[in-house]
Amino acid sequence: MVMVSDQKQSYLPGLYPPEGGTWNDRISCIETGPWANVTVCTDVNFKGQCMKIGGNQVVDLTNNSTYNNKISSIWKQTSRKR
C-alpha cells in the first residue's frame, strides 16, 4: 500500500489491495520514507491499541502479537518538506 502525505485510512476494511480482499488485519510490515510518520491502530477510526512509527524505518510486525495482521486504521503524516 502506498499512501500520500497526510493521508488517513480510518477504515481498512474498505480499502482493497490489487489481489482482492481488503487491507484490514493483513499488514505485517511497515516501511516509512525519510519524512514520514505513521500511526497505526488495531481498530477502525484510530481506536484500540495505537503505535507511532517514525521516518525512515522498516518495522517487522510478525512477532508482535498486538499489531501483526491486526491493523485496521493507518495515518501517514509528513514531518518535514523536502
Protein backbone atom coordinates (compact mmCIF):
# COMPACT_ATOMS: atom_id res chain seq x y z
CA MET A 1 0.00 0.00 0.00
CA VAL A 2 1.35 3.45 -0.86
CA MET A 3 -0.01 6.48 0.95
CA VAL A 4 0.43 10.16 0.14
CA SER A 5 1.23 12.89 2.68
CA ASP A 6 -1.33 13.43 5.42
CA GLN A 7 -3.50 10.60 4.12
CA LYS A 8 -5.75 8.79 6.58
CA GLN A 9 -7.34 5.41 6.17
CA SER A 10 -9.61 5.09 9.18
CA TYR A 11 -11.42 2.02 7.83
CA LEU A 12 -9.11 -0.50 6.19
CA PRO A 13 -11.96 -2.97 5.57
CA GLY A 14 -13.00 -0.58 2.78
CA LEU A 15 -9.54 -0.36 1.13
CA TYR A 16 -8.81 -3.07 -1.43
CA PRO A 17 -5.36 -4.37 -2.46
CA PRO A 18 -4.79 -5.42 -6.09
CA GLU A 19 -5.06 -9.14 -5.33
CA GLY A 20 -8.52 -8.80 -3.79
CA GLY A 21 -9.89 -8.79 -0.27
CA THR A 22 -9.14 -5.79 1.97
CA TRP A 23 -6.09 -4.48 3.85
CA ASN A 24 -7.90 -4.92 7.17
CA ASP A 25 -5.92 -7.19 9.52
CA ARG A 26 -3.37 -8.05 6.78
CA ILE A 27 -0.42 -5.74 7.49
CA SER A 28 2.67 -7.41 8.94
CA CYS A 29 5.43 -4.98 7.88
CA ILE A 30 5.58 -1.20 7.53
CA GLU A 31 8.26 0.81 5.75
CA THR A 32 8.34 4.60 6.05
CA GLY A 33 10.18 7.17 3.97
CA PRO A 34 12.60 9.70 5.47
CA TRP A 35 9.96 12.36 6.23
CA ALA A 36 7.00 10.12 7.00
CA ASN A 37 5.47 9.49 10.40
CA VAL A 38 2.83 6.77 10.53
CA THR A 39 0.28 5.95 13.20
CA VAL A 40 -1.37 2.53 13.07
CA CYS A 41 -4.26 1.34 15.23
CA THR A 42 -5.82 -2.06 15.81
CA ASP A 43 -9.40 -0.78 15.45
CA VAL A 44 -11.15 1.36 12.84
CA ASN A 45 -11.34 5.14 13.31
CA PHE A 46 -7.97 5.18 15.14
CA LYS A 47 -9.20 3.35 18.21
CA GLY A 48 -7.81 0.37 20.11
CA GLN A 49 -4.06 -0.02 20.54
CA CYS A 50 -2.08 2.56 18.53
CA MET A 51 1.62 2.76 17.64
CA LYS A 52 3.60 5.62 16.10
CA ILE A 53 6.40 4.85 13.65
CA GLY A 54 8.98 7.48 12.77
CA GLY A 55 10.55 8.22 9.42
CA ASN A 56 12.96 6.01 7.51
CA GLN A 57 12.13 2.78 9.34
CA VAL A 58 11.20 -0.77 8.47
CA VAL A 59 9.06 -2.33 11.19
CA ASP A 60 8.51 -6.08 11.04
CA LEU A 61 5.36 -6.91 13.00
CA THR A 62 5.40 -10.68 12.52
CA ASN A 63 6.48 -11.32 16.13
CA ASN A 64 4.28 -8.59 17.60
CA SER A 65 1.06 -10.19 18.88
CA THR A 66 -0.61 -6.78 19.36
CA TYR A 67 -0.20 -5.47 15.79
CA ASN A 68 0.66 -8.31 13.40
CA ASN A 69 -2.25 -8.71 10.99
CA LYS A 70 -4.45 -6.68 13.35
CA ILE A 71 -4.17 -3.13 11.94
CA SER A 72 -7.50 -1.57 10.97
CA SER A 73 -6.57 2.12 10.56
CA ILE A 74 -3.43 3.94 9.43
CA TRP A 75 -2.45 7.62 9.16
CA LYS A 76 0.63 8.93 7.36
CA GLN A 77 1.87 12.41 8.19
CA THR A 78 4.86 14.25 6.77
CA SER A 79 7.25 15.62 9.38
CA ARG A 80 9.11 17.99 7.07
CA LYS A 81 9.02 19.07 3.49
CA ARG A 82 11.82 18.24 1.10
